[in-house]
Amino acid sequence: LILVFTAYAFVDNANVAAGLYVVDHMFFALAIAIKTYFQKIADPADIASTAGVSFTINHIAAVIIPAVFGIIWITSPSLVFLIGAAFAGCSLILSQNVPSIPSRGNEVVLGRVA
């Protein structure tokens, strides 16, 4: 995804941009992994309330980030995609903290609370 966003920043060809869009949406489909991970580590009694908080946080990000990026777009459309690539890079780094076999009590690799 980092490469896709970086390519978006510099692409001049509509066909290449369309191809990047398809690849981008293929990665977006992987968002279901978040729900699967959550179901493996969450106490069933906490799923509804935690999902509500998660939905609220995602909604706030979905409103604020496009507004801020719209302002950035006025100055530099390429910068929007480079920042998106940086977000993807941060996400990649943070994903390394997910254990290969997540479960209750084994939610993270680093930062476990005893």
PDB file of N, CA and C in Angstrom:
ATOM      1  N   LEU A   1       0.825  -1.192   0.000  1.00  0.00           N
ATOM      2  CA  LEU A   1       0.000   0.000   0.000  1.00  0.00           C
ATOM      3  C   LEU A   1       0.868   1.255   0.000  1.00  0.00           C
ATOM      4  N   ILE A   2       2.020   1.166   0.639  1.00  0.00           N
ATOM      5  CA  ILE A   2       2.949   2.297   0.638  1.00  0.00           C
ATOM      6  C   ILE A   2       3.335   2.632  -0.801  1.00  0.00           C
ATOM      7  N   LEU A   3       3.644   1.605  -1.575  1.00  0.00           N
ATOM      8  CA  LEU A   3       4.027   1.821  -2.972  1.00  0.00           C
ATOM      9  C   LEU A   3       2.872   2.379  -3.796  1.00  0.00           C
ATOM     10  N   VAL A   4       1.652   1.923  -3.519  1.00  0.00           N
ATOM     11  CA  VAL A   4       0.484   2.411  -4.248  1.00  0.00           C
ATOM     12  C   VAL A   4       0.295   3.904  -4.003  1.00  0.00           C
ATOM     13  N   PHE A   5       0.333   4.328  -2.750  1.00  0.00           N
ATOM     14  CA  PHE A   5       0.138   5.743  -2.456  1.00  0.00           C
ATOM     15  C   PHE A   5       1.280   6.601  -2.991  1.00  0.00           C
ATOM     16  N   THR A   6       2.492   6.090  -2.919  1.00  0.00           N
ATOM     17  CA  THR A   6       3.621   6.838  -3.474  1.00  0.00           C
ATOM     18  C   THR A   6       3.460   6.976  -4.986  1.00  0.00           C
ATOM     19  N   ALA A   7       3.019   5.913  -5.640  1.00  0.00           N
ATOM     20  CA  ALA A   7       2.787   5.977  -7.087  1.00  0.00           C
ATOM     21  C   ALA A   7       1.664   6.954  -7.417  1.00  0.00           C
ATOM     22  N   TYR A   8       0.590   6.961  -6.619  1.00  0.00           N
ATOM     23  CA  TYR A   8      -0.488   7.934  -6.822  1.00  0.00           C
ATOM     24  C   TYR A   8       0.066   9.362  -6.843  1.00  0.00           C
ATOM     25  N   ALA A   9       1.047   9.633  -6.007  1.00  0.00           N
ATOM     26  CA  ALA A   9       1.584  10.985  -5.887  1.00  0.00           C
ATOM     27  C   ALA A   9       2.254  11.456  -7.173  1.00  0.00           C
ATOM     28  N   PHE A  10       2.751  10.519  -7.974  1.00  0.00           N
ATOM     29  CA  PHE A  10       3.545  10.921  -9.130  1.00  0.00           C
ATOM     30  C   PHE A  10       2.997  10.456 -10.476  1.00  0.00           C
ATOM     31  N   VAL A  11       1.900   9.722 -10.487  1.00  0.00           N
ATOM     32  CA  VAL A  11       1.373   9.166 -11.738  1.00  0.00           C
ATOM     33  C   VAL A  11       0.755  10.269 -12.611  1.00  0.00           C
ATOM     34  N   ASP A  12       1.010  10.159 -13.918  1.00  0.00           N
ATOM     35  CA  ASP A  12       0.444  11.104 -14.887  1.00  0.00           C
ATOM     36  C   ASP A  12      -0.469  10.408 -15.892  1.00  0.00           C
ATOM     37  N   ASN A  13      -0.455   9.090 -15.913  1.00  0.00           N
ATOM     38  CA  ASN A  13      -1.201   8.313 -16.882  1.00  0.00           C
ATOM     39  C   ASN A  13      -2.498   7.804 -16.249  1.00  0.00           C
ATOM     40  N   ALA A  14      -3.628   8.046 -16.920  1.00  0.00           N
ATOM     41  CA  ALA A  14      -4.934   7.648 -16.381  1.00  0.00           C
ATOM     42  C   ALA A  14      -5.054   6.132 -16.242  1.00  0.00           C
ATOM     43  N   ASN A  15      -4.487   5.381 -17.175  1.00  0.00           N
ATOM     44  CA  ASN A  15      -4.565   3.917 -17.095  1.00  0.00           C
ATOM     45  C   ASN A  15      -3.780   3.387 -15.898  1.00  0.00           C
ATOM     46  N   VAL A  16      -2.629   3.973 -15.648  1.00  0.00           N
ATOM     47  CA  VAL A  16      -1.836   3.571 -14.483  1.00  0.00           C
ATOM     48  C   VAL A  16      -2.593   3.929 -13.205  1.00  0.00           C
ATOM     49  N   ALA A  17      -3.200   5.114 -13.181  1.00  0.00           N
ATOM     50  CA  ALA A  17      -3.983   5.531 -12.014  1.00  0.00           C
ATOM     51  C   ALA A  17      -5.145   4.571 -11.780  1.00  0.00           C
ATOM     52  N   ALA A  18      -5.802   4.131 -12.855  1.00  0.00           N
ATOM     53  CA  ALA A  18      -6.909   3.176 -12.723  1.00  0.00           C
ATOM     54  C   ALA A  18      -6.406   1.845 -12.164  1.00  0.00           C
ATOM     55  N   GLY A  19      -5.249   1.403 -12.629  1.00  0.00           N
ATOM     56  CA  GLY A  19      -4.663   0.169 -12.101  1.00  0.00           C
ATOM     57  C   GLY A  19      -4.324   0.293 -10.627  1.00  0.00           C
ATOM     58  N   LEU A  20      -3.775   1.446 -10.248  1.00  0.00           N
ATOM     59  CA  LEU A  20      -3.474   1.692  -8.833  1.00  0.00           C
ATOM     60  C   LEU A  20      -4.748   1.670  -7.998  1.00  0.00           C
ATOM     61  N   TYR A  21      -5.825   2.217  -8.554  1.00  0.00           N
ATOM     62  CA  TYR A  21      -7.112   2.249  -7.854  1.00  0.00           C
ATOM     63  C   TYR A  21      -7.606   0.826  -7.574  1.00  0.00           C
ATOM     64  N   VAL A  22      -7.473  -0.045  -8.556  1.00  0.00           N
ATOM     65  CA  VAL A  22      -7.894  -1.442  -8.380  1.00  0.00           C
ATOM     66  C   VAL A  22      -7.053  -2.115  -7.296  1.00  0.00           C
ATOM     67  N   VAL A  23      -5.744  -1.931  -7.360  1.00  0.00           N
ATOM     68  CA  VAL A  23      -4.851  -2.518  -6.354  1.00  0.00           C
ATOM     69  C   VAL A  23      -5.177  -1.960  -4.970  1.00  0.00           C
ATOM     70  N   ASP A  24      -5.423  -0.652  -4.903  1.00  0.00           N
ATOM     71  CA  ASP A  24      -5.784   0.008  -3.644  1.00  0.00           C
ATOM     72  C   ASP A  24      -7.021  -0.642  -3.038  1.00  0.00           C
ATOM     73  N   HIS A  25      -8.033  -0.889  -3.851  1.00  0.00           N
ATOM     74  CA  HIS A  25      -9.260  -1.489  -3.330  1.00  0.00           C
ATOM     75  C   HIS A  25      -9.089  -2.964  -2.966  1.00  0.00           C
ATOM     76  N   MET A  26      -8.155  -3.632  -3.587  1.00  0.00           N
ATOM     77  CA  MET A  26      -7.870  -5.012  -3.182  1.00  0.00           C
ATOM     78  C   MET A  26      -7.287  -5.024  -1.767  1.00  0.00           C
ATOM     79  N   PHE A  27      -6.432  -4.064  -1.462  1.00  0.00           N
ATOM     80  CA  PHE A  27      -5.894  -3.947  -0.104  1.00  0.00           C
ATOM     81  C   PHE A  27      -6.994  -3.551   0.872  1.00  0.00           C
ATOM     82  N   PHE A  28      -7.909  -2.681   0.441  1.00  0.00           N
ATOM     83  CA  PHE A  28      -8.997  -2.237   1.299  1.00  0.00           C
ATOM     84  C   PHE A  28      -9.854  -3.420   1.735  1.00  0.00           C
ATOM     85  N   ALA A  29      -9.985  -4.411   0.875  1.00  0.00           N
ATOM     86  CA  ALA A  29     -10.773  -5.602   1.208  1.00  0.00           C
ATOM     87  C   ALA A  29     -10.162  -6.365   2.378  1.00  0.00           C
ATOM     88  N   LEU A  30      -8.891  -6.166   2.640  1.00  0.00           N
ATOM     89  CA  LEU A  30      -8.234  -6.849   3.754  1.00  0.00           C
ATOM     90  C   LEU A  30      -8.656  -6.281   5.109  1.00  0.00           C
ATOM     91  N   ALA A  31      -9.447  -5.219   5.103  1.00  0.00           N
ATOM     92  CA  ALA A  31      -9.907  -4.629   6.358  1.00  0.00           C
ATOM     93  C   ALA A  31     -10.711  -5.628   7.188  1.00  0.00           C
ATOM     94  N   ILE A  32     -11.240  -6.659   6.563  1.00  0.00           N
ATOM     95  CA  ILE A  32     -11.982  -7.681   7.300  1.00  0.00           C
ATOM     96  C   ILE A  32     -11.077  -8.379   8.312  1.00  0.00           C
ATOM     97  N   ALA A  33      -9.778  -8.342   8.090  1.00  0.00           N
ATOM     98  CA  ALA A  33      -8.832  -8.959   9.025  1.00  0.00           C
ATOM     99  C   ALA A  33      -8.911  -8.306  10.398  1.00  0.00           C
ATOM    100  N   ILE A  34      -9.237  -7.026  10.441  1.00  0.00           N
ATOM    101  CA  ILE A  34      -9.363  -6.330  11.725  1.00  0.00           C
ATOM    102  C   ILE A  34     -10.485  -6.950  12.546  1.00  0.00           C
ATOM    103  N   LYS A  35     -11.615  -7.229  11.905  1.00  0.00           N
ATOM    104  CA  LYS A  35     -12.748  -7.828  12.616  1.00  0.00           C
ATOM    105  C   LYS A  35     -12.407  -9.235  13.093  1.00  0.00           C
ATOM    106  N   THR A  36     -11.714  -9.993  12.262  1.00  0.00           N
ATOM    107  CA  THR A  36     -11.328 -11.350  12.638  1.00  0.00           C
ATOM    108  C   THR A  36     -10.400 -11.331  13.841  1.00  0.00           C
ATOM    109  N   TYR A  37      -9.417 -10.436  13.814  1.00  0.00           N
ATOM    110  CA  TYR A  37      -8.474 -10.300  14.932  1.00  0.00           C
ATOM    111  C   TYR A  37      -9.229  -9.913  16.198  1.00  0.00           C
ATOM    112  N   PHE A  38     -10.129  -8.960  16.078  1.00  0.00           N
ATOM    113  CA  PHE A  38     -10.908  -8.491  17.224  1.00  0.00           C
ATOM    114  C   PHE A  38     -11.723  -9.629  17.828  1.00  0.00           C
ATOM    115  N   GLN A  39     -12.342 -10.452  16.994  1.00  0.00           N
ATOM    116  CA  GLN A  39     -13.150 -11.558  17.500  1.00  0.00           C
ATOM    117  C   GLN A  39     -12.302 -12.606  18.212  1.00  0.00           C
ATOM    118  N   LYS A  40     -11.043 -12.736  17.823  1.00  0.00           N
ATOM    119  CA  LYS A  40     -10.166 -13.715  18.464  1.00  0.00           C
ATOM    120  C   LYS A  40      -9.686 -13.262  19.834  1.00  0.00           C
ATOM    121  N   ILE A  41      -9.553 -11.950  20.042  1.00  0.00           N
ATOM    122  CA  ILE A  41      -8.970 -11.479  21.297  1.00  0.00           C
ATOM    123  C   ILE A  41      -9.991 -10.913  22.274  1.00  0.00           C
ATOM    124  N   ALA A  42     -11.194 -10.609  21.810  1.00  0.00           N
ATOM    125  CA  ALA A  42     -12.162  -9.912  22.656  1.00  0.00           C
ATOM    126  C   ALA A  42     -13.006 -10.871  23.480  1.00  0.00           C
ATOM    127  N   ASP A  43     -13.371 -10.417  24.649  1.00  0.00           N
ATOM    128  CA  ASP A  43     -14.346 -11.112  25.477  1.00  0.00           C
ATOM    129  C   ASP A  43     -15.704 -10.882  24.813  1.00  0.00           C
ATOM    130  N   PRO A  44     -16.471 -11.935  24.539  1.00  0.00           N
ATOM    131  CA  PRO A  44     -17.756 -11.761  23.857  1.00  0.00           C
ATOM    132  C   PRO A  44     -18.670 -10.725  24.511  1.00  0.00           C
ATOM    133  N   ALA A  45     -18.580 -10.576  25.821  1.00  0.00           N
ATOM    134  CA  ALA A  45     -19.422  -9.593  26.512  1.00  0.00           C
ATOM    135  C   ALA A  45     -19.007  -8.163  26.187  1.00  0.00           C
ATOM    136  N   ASP A  46     -17.778  -7.972  25.749  1.00  0.00           N
ATOM    137  CA  ASP A  46     -17.272  -6.630  25.461  1.00  0.00           C
ATOM    138  C   ASP A  46     -17.355  -6.244  23.989  1.00  0.00           C
ATOM    139  N   ILE A  47     -17.749  -7.166  23.139  1.00  0.00           N
ATOM    140  CA  ILE A  47     -17.713  -6.902  21.700  1.00  0.00           C
ATOM    141  C   ILE A  47     -18.616  -5.739  21.307  1.00  0.00           C
ATOM    142  N   ALA A  48     -19.840  -5.687  21.789  1.00  0.00           N
ATOM    143  CA  ALA A  48     -20.769  -4.629  21.376  1.00  0.00           C
ATOM    144  C   ALA A  48     -20.261  -3.246  21.767  1.00  0.00           C
ATOM    145  N   SER A  49     -19.847  -3.081  23.012  1.00  0.00           N
ATOM    146  CA  SER A  49     -19.395  -1.755  23.442  1.00  0.00           C
ATOM    147  C   SER A  49     -18.085  -1.361  22.766  1.00  0.00           C
ATOM    148  N   THR A  50     -17.178  -2.299  22.616  1.00  0.00           N
ATOM    149  CA  THR A  50     -15.903  -2.001  21.968  1.00  0.00           C
ATOM    150  C   THR A  50     -16.109  -1.689  20.492  1.00  0.00           C
ATOM    151  N   ALA A  51     -17.003  -2.419  19.839  1.00  0.00           N
ATOM    152  CA  ALA A  51     -17.301  -2.145  18.437  1.00  0.00           C
ATOM    153  C   ALA A  51     -17.916  -0.756  18.288  1.00  0.00           C
ATOM    154  N   GLY A  52     -18.739  -0.352  19.238  1.00  0.00           N
ATOM    155  CA  GLY A  52     -19.321   0.993  19.203  1.00  0.00           C
ATOM    156  C   GLY A  52     -18.260   2.075  19.295  1.00  0.00           C
ATOM    157  N   VAL A  53     -17.308   1.893  20.192  1.00  0.00           N
ATOM    158  CA  VAL A  53     -16.206   2.856  20.327  1.00  0.00           C
ATOM    159  C   VAL A  53     -15.369   2.857  19.051  1.00  0.00           C
ATOM    160  N   SER A  54     -15.076   1.682  18.520  1.00  0.00           N
ATOM    161  CA  SER A  54     -14.291   1.571  17.292  1.00  0.00           C
ATOM    162  C   SER A  54     -14.990   2.275  16.131  1.00  0.00           C
ATOM    163  N   PHE A  55     -16.294   2.081  16.004  1.00  0.00           N
ATOM    164  CA  PHE A  55     -17.066   2.730  14.945  1.00  0.00           C
ATOM    165  C   PHE A  55     -16.997   4.245  15.092  1.00  0.00           C
ATOM    166  N   THR A  56     -17.104   4.732  16.329  1.00  0.00           N
ATOM    167  CA  THR A  56     -17.044   6.171  16.576  1.00  0.00           C
ATOM    168  C   THR A  56     -15.681   6.743  16.201  1.00  0.00           C
ATOM    169  N   ILE A  57     -14.618   6.070  16.604  1.00  0.00           N
ATOM    170  CA  ILE A  57     -13.264   6.539  16.276  1.00  0.00           C
ATOM    171  C   ILE A  57     -13.056   6.531  14.765  1.00  0.00           C
ATOM    172  N   ASN A  58     -13.480   5.466  14.093  1.00  0.00           N
ATOM    173  CA  ASN A  58     -13.351   5.409  12.632  1.00  0.00           C
ATOM    174  C   ASN A  58     -14.150   6.517  11.965  1.00  0.00           C
ATOM    175  N   HIS A  59     -15.332   6.819  12.503  1.00  0.00           N
ATOM    176  CA  HIS A  59     -16.163   7.876  11.932  1.00  0.00           C
ATOM    177  C   HIS A  59     -15.486   9.240  12.083  1.00  0.00           C
ATOM    178  N   ILE A  60     -14.912   9.495  13.249  1.00  0.00           N
ATOM    179  CA  ILE A  60     -14.208  10.766  13.467  1.00  0.00           C
ATOM    180  C   ILE A  60     -13.063  10.895  12.462  1.00  0.00           C
ATOM    181  N   ALA A  61     -12.285   9.836  12.306  1.00  0.00           N
ATOM    182  CA  ALA A  61     -11.177   9.865  11.340  1.00  0.00           C
ATOM    183  C   ALA A  61     -11.694  10.052   9.916  1.00  0.00           C
ATOM    184  N   ALA A  62     -12.827   9.421   9.600  1.00  0.00           N
ATOM    185  CA  ALA A  62     -13.388   9.520   8.254  1.00  0.00           C
ATOM    186  C   ALA A  62     -13.928  10.911   7.948  1.00  0.00           C
ATOM    187  N   VAL A  63     -14.178  11.716   8.959  1.00  0.00           N
ATOM    188  CA  VAL A  63     -14.638  13.090   8.753  1.00  0.00           C
ATOM    189  C   VAL A  63     -13.460  14.062   8.774  1.00  0.00           C
ATOM    190  N   ILE A  64     -12.582  13.917   9.745  1.00  0.00           N
ATOM    191  CA  ILE A  64     -11.490  14.883   9.933  1.00  0.00           C
ATOM    192  C   ILE A  64     -10.399  14.737   8.876  1.00  0.00           C
ATOM    193  N   ILE A  65      -9.951  13.527   8.615  1.00  0.00           N
ATOM    194  CA  ILE A  65      -8.840  13.342   7.669  1.00  0.00           C
ATOM    195  C   ILE A  65      -9.188  13.865   6.271  1.00  0.00           C
ATOM    196  N   PRO A  66     -10.349  13.543   5.698  1.00  0.00           N
ATOM    197  CA  PRO A  66     -10.653  14.107   4.376  1.00  0.00           C
ATOM    198  C   PRO A  66     -10.740  15.640   4.381  1.00  0.00           C
ATOM    199  N   ALA A  67     -11.247  16.217   5.452  1.00  0.00           N
ATOM    200  CA  ALA A  67     -11.323  17.679   5.515  1.00  0.00           C
ATOM    201  C   ALA A  67      -9.924  18.294   5.525  1.00  0.00           C
ATOM    202  N   VAL A  68      -9.054  17.762   6.358  1.00  0.00           N
ATOM    203  CA  VAL A  68      -7.674  18.268   6.426  1.00  0.00           C
ATOM    204  C   VAL A  68      -6.948  18.004   5.108  1.00  0.00           C
ATOM    205  N   PHE A  69      -7.120  16.807   4.568  1.00  0.00           N
ATOM    206  CA  PHE A  69      -6.441  16.486   3.311  1.00  0.00           C
ATOM    207  C   PHE A  69      -6.994  17.315   2.151  1.00  0.00           C
ATOM    208  N   GLY A  70      -8.258  17.702   2.216  1.00  0.00           N
ATOM    209  CA  GLY A  70      -8.819  18.593   1.198  1.00  0.00           C
ATOM    210  C   GLY A  70      -8.117  19.942   1.197  1.00  0.00           C
ATOM    211  N   ILE A  71      -7.809  20.433   2.376  1.00  0.00           N
ATOM    212  CA  ILE A  71      -7.071  21.696   2.490  1.00  0.00           C
ATOM    213  C   ILE A  71      -5.649  21.519   1.951  1.00  0.00           C
ATOM    214  N   ILE A  72      -5.017  20.396   2.296  1.00  0.00           N
ATOM    215  CA  ILE A  72      -3.665  20.121   1.791  1.00  0.00           C
ATOM    216  C   ILE A  72      -3.689  19.991   0.265  1.00  0.00           C
ATOM    217  N   TRP A  73      -4.745  19.361  -0.263  1.00  0.00           N
ATOM    218  CA  TRP A  73      -4.872  19.145  -1.709  1.00  0.00           C
ATOM    219  C   TRP A  73      -4.808  20.461  -2.480  1.00  0.00           C
ATOM    220  N   ILE A  74      -5.372  21.514  -1.915  1.00  0.00           N
ATOM    221  CA  ILE A  74      -5.375  22.821  -2.577  1.00  0.00           C
ATOM    222  C   ILE A  74      -3.943  23.275  -2.859  1.00  0.00           C
ATOM    223  N   THR A  75      -3.051  22.979  -1.929  1.00  0.00           N
ATOM    224  CA  THR A  75      -1.653  23.380  -2.068  1.00  0.00           C
ATOM    225  C   THR A  75      -0.836  22.361  -2.856  1.00  0.00           C
ATOM    226  N   SER A  76      -1.003  21.071  -2.530  1.00  0.00           N
ATOM    227  CA  SER A  76      -0.165  20.042  -3.148  1.00  0.00           C
ATOM    228  C   SER A  76      -0.885  18.696  -3.184  1.00  0.00           C
ATOM    229  N   PRO A  77      -1.510  18.353  -4.315  1.00  0.00           N
ATOM    230  CA  PRO A  77      -2.173  17.047  -4.410  1.00  0.00           C
ATOM    231  C   PRO A  77      -1.222  15.872  -4.142  1.00  0.00           C
ATOM    232  N   SER A  78       0.013  15.978  -4.576  1.00  0.00           N
ATOM    233  CA  SER A  78       0.977  14.892  -4.353  1.00  0.00           C
ATOM    234  C   SER A  78       1.236  14.666  -2.872  1.00  0.00           C
ATOM    235  N   LEU A  79       1.254  15.745  -2.098  1.00  0.00           N
ATOM    236  CA  LEU A  79       1.519  15.630  -0.664  1.00  0.00           C
ATOM    237  C   LEU A  79       0.456  14.786   0.034  1.00  0.00           C
ATOM    238  N   VAL A  80      -0.781  14.874  -0.427  1.00  0.00           N
ATOM    239  CA  VAL A  80      -1.864  14.069   0.156  1.00  0.00           C
ATOM    240  C   VAL A  80      -1.512  12.582   0.062  1.00  0.00           C
ATOM    241  N   PHE A  81      -1.032  12.154  -1.093  1.00  0.00           N
ATOM    242  CA  PHE A  81      -0.706  10.744  -1.284  1.00  0.00           C
ATOM    243  C   PHE A  81       0.572  10.350  -0.557  1.00  0.00           C
ATOM    244  N   LEU A  82       1.511  11.262  -0.452  1.00  0.00           N
ATOM    245  CA  LEU A  82       2.731  10.960   0.305  1.00  0.00           C
ATOM    246  C   LEU A  82       2.420  10.814   1.796  1.00  0.00           C
ATOM    247  N   ILE A  83       1.513  11.634   2.304  1.00  0.00           N
ATOM    248  CA  ILE A  83       1.087  11.481   3.700  1.00  0.00           C
ATOM    249  C   ILE A  83       0.342  10.155   3.863  1.00  0.00           C
ATOM    250  N   GLY A  84      -0.485   9.809   2.873  1.00  0.00           N
ATOM    251  CA  GLY A  84      -1.161   8.508   2.895  1.00  0.00           C
ATOM    252  C   GLY A  84      -0.166   7.362   2.921  1.00  0.00           C
ATOM    253  N   ALA A  85       0.922   7.492   2.170  1.00  0.00           N
ATOM    254  CA  ALA A  85       1.978   6.473   2.186  1.00  0.00           C
ATOM    255  C   ALA A  85       2.623   6.401   3.565  1.00  0.00           C
ATOM    256  N   ALA A  86       2.799   7.558   4.206  1.00  0.00           N
ATOM    257  CA  ALA A  86       3.358   7.575   5.569  1.00  0.00           C
ATOM    258  C   ALA A  86       2.402   6.883   6.542  1.00  0.00           C
ATOM    259  N   PHE A  87       1.090   7.131   6.397  1.00  0.00           N
ATOM    260  CA  PHE A  87       0.097   6.435   7.231  1.00  0.00           C
ATOM    261  C   PHE A  87       0.211   4.926   7.025  1.00  0.00           C
ATOM    262  N   ALA A  88       0.335   4.507   5.762  1.00  0.00           N
ATOM    263  CA  ALA A  88       0.462   3.076   5.465  1.00  0.00           C
ATOM    264  C   ALA A  88       1.738   2.512   6.085  1.00  0.00           C
ATOM    265  N   GLY A  89       2.810   3.291   6.061  1.00  0.00           N
ATOM    266  CA  GLY A  89       4.059   2.860   6.687  1.00  0.00           C
ATOM    267  C   GLY A  89       3.907   2.685   8.185  1.00  0.00           C
ATOM    268  N   CYS A  90       3.232   3.641   8.823  1.00  0.00           N
ATOM    269  CA  CYS A  90       2.970   3.525  10.270  1.00  0.00           C
ATOM    270  C   CYS A  90       2.122   2.291  10.558  1.00  0.00           C
ATOM    271  N   SER A  91       1.134   2.062   9.728  1.00  0.00           N
ATOM    272  CA  SER A  91       0.269   0.900   9.898  1.00  0.00           C
ATOM    273  C   SER A  91       1.067  -0.397   9.765  1.00  0.00           C
ATOM    274  N   LEU A  92       1.984  -0.430   8.797  1.00  0.00           N
ATOM    275  CA  LEU A  92       2.836  -1.609   8.617  1.00  0.00           C
ATOM    276  C   LEU A  92       3.695  -1.854   9.852  1.00  0.00           C
ATOM    277  N   ILE A  93       4.276  -0.803  10.387  1.00  0.00           N
ATOM    278  CA  ILE A  93       5.109  -0.932  11.589  1.00  0.00           C
ATOM    279  C   ILE A  93       4.273  -1.423  12.765  1.00  0.00           C
ATOM    280  N   LEU A  94       3.105  -0.820  12.974  1.00  0.00           N
ATOM    281  CA  LEU A  94       2.249  -1.215  14.095  1.00  0.00           C
ATOM    282  C   LEU A  94       1.714  -2.636  13.934  1.00  0.00           C
ATOM    283  N   SER A  95       1.500  -3.069  12.697  1.00  0.00           N
ATOM    284  CA  SER A  95       0.984  -4.427  12.479  1.00  0.00           C
ATOM    285  C   SER A  95       1.985  -5.497  12.906  1.00  0.00           C
ATOM    286  N   GLN A  96       3.236  -5.133  13.021  1.00  0.00           N
ATOM    287  CA  GLN A  96       4.251  -6.089  13.470  1.00  0.00           C
ATOM    288  C   GLN A  96       4.062  -6.460  14.940  1.00  0.00           C
ATOM    289  N   ASN A  97       3.212  -5.717  15.647  1.00  0.00           N
ATOM    290  CA  ASN A  97       2.938  -5.999  17.054  1.00  0.00           C
ATOM    291  C   ASN A  97       1.800  -7.011  17.228  1.00  0.00           C
ATOM    292  N   VAL A  98       1.207  -7.447  16.124  1.00  0.00           N
ATOM    293  CA  VAL A  98       0.141  -8.446  16.181  1.00  0.00           C
ATOM    294  C   VAL A  98       0.790  -9.830  16.191  1.00  0.00           C
ATOM    295  N   PRO A  99       0.464 -10.662  17.195  1.00  0.00           N
ATOM    296  CA  PRO A  99       1.065 -12.003  17.239  1.00  0.00           C
ATOM    297  C   PRO A  99       0.545 -12.882  16.101  1.00  0.00           C
ATOM    298  N   SER A 100       1.319 -13.894  15.743  1.00  0.00           N
ATOM    299  CA  SER A 100       0.893 -14.777  14.659  1.00  0.00           C
ATOM    300  C   SER A 100      -0.313 -15.625  15.057  1.00  0.00           C
ATOM    301  N   ILE A 101      -0.476 -15.888  16.349  1.00  0.00           N
ATOM    302  CA  ILE A 101      -1.655 -16.611  16.834  1.00  0.00           C
ATOM    303  C   ILE A 101      -2.294 -15.773  17.944  1.00  0.00           C
ATOM    304  N   PRO A 102      -3.149 -14.804  17.561  1.00  0.00           N
ATOM    305  CA  PRO A 102      -3.769 -13.953  18.581  1.00  0.00           C
ATOM    306  C   PRO A 102      -4.850 -14.701  19.359  1.00  0.00           C
ATOM    307  N   SER A 103      -4.960 -14.373  20.619  1.00  0.00           N
ATOM    308  CA  SER A 103      -5.997 -14.934  21.480  1.00  0.00           C
ATOM    309  C   SER A 103      -6.095 -14.050  22.710  1.00  0.00           C
ATOM    310  N   ARG A 104      -7.108 -14.292  23.527  1.00  0.00           N
ATOM    311  CA  ARG A 104      -7.202 -13.541  24.780  1.00  0.00           C
ATOM    312  C   ARG A 104      -5.968 -13.826  25.614  1.00  0.00           C
ATOM    313  N   GLY A 105      -5.317 -12.754  26.055  1.00  0.00           N
ATOM    314  CA  GLY A 105      -4.085 -12.885  26.810  1.00  0.00           C
ATOM    315  C   GLY A 105      -2.848 -12.845  25.926  1.00  0.00           C
ATOM    316  N   ASN A 106      -3.047 -12.968  24.623  1.00  0.00           N
ATOM    317  CA  ASN A 106      -1.943 -12.890  23.655  1.00  0.00           C
ATOM    318  C   ASN A 106      -2.348 -11.919  22.541  1.00  0.00           C
ATOM    319  N   GLU A 107      -2.656 -10.677  22.941  1.00  0.00           N
ATOM    320  CA  GLU A 107      -3.160  -9.685  21.996  1.00  0.00           C
ATOM    321  C   GLU A 107      -2.059  -8.953  21.250  1.00  0.00           C
ATOM    322  N   VAL A 108      -0.906  -8.789  21.885  1.00  0.00           N
ATOM    323  CA  VAL A 108       0.192  -8.022  21.298  1.00  0.00           C
ATOM    324  C   VAL A 108       1.521  -8.728  21.530  1.00  0.00           C
ATOM    325  N   VAL A 109       2.500  -8.401  20.706  1.00  0.00           N
ATOM    326  CA  VAL A 109       3.842  -8.959  20.880  1.00  0.00           C
ATOM    327  C   VAL A 109       4.589  -8.158  21.939  1.00  0.00           C
ATOM    328  N   LEU A 110       4.580  -6.835  21.810  1.00  0.00           N
ATOM    329  CA  LEU A 110       5.247  -5.949  22.764  1.00  0.00           C
ATOM    330  C   LEU A 110       4.209  -5.169  23.554  1.00  0.00           C
ATOM    331  N   GLY A 111       4.452  -4.957  24.827  1.00  0.00           N
ATOM    332  CA  GLY A 111       3.553  -4.143  25.636  1.00  0.00           C
ATOM    333  C   GLY A 111       2.489  -4.922  26.374  1.00  0.00           C
ATOM    334  N   ARG A 112       2.711  -6.201  26.575  1.00  0.00           N
ATOM    335  CA  ARG A 112       1.735  -7.004  27.324  1.00  0.00           C
ATOM    336  C   ARG A 112       1.654  -6.517  28.756  1.00  0.00           C
ATOM    337  N   VAL A 113       0.436  -6.476  29.263  1.00  0.00           N
ATOM    338  CA  VAL A 113       0.208  -6.106  30.657  1.00  0.00           C
ATOM    339  C   VAL A 113       0.067  -7.395  31.448  1.00  0.00           C
ATOM    340  N   ALA A 114       0.882  -7.542  32.461  1.00  0.00           N
ATOM    341  CA  ALA A 114       0.871  -8.778  33.258  1.00  0.00           C
ATOM    342  C   ALA A 114      -0.286  -8.836  34.215  1.00  0.00           C
TER     343      ALA A 114
END
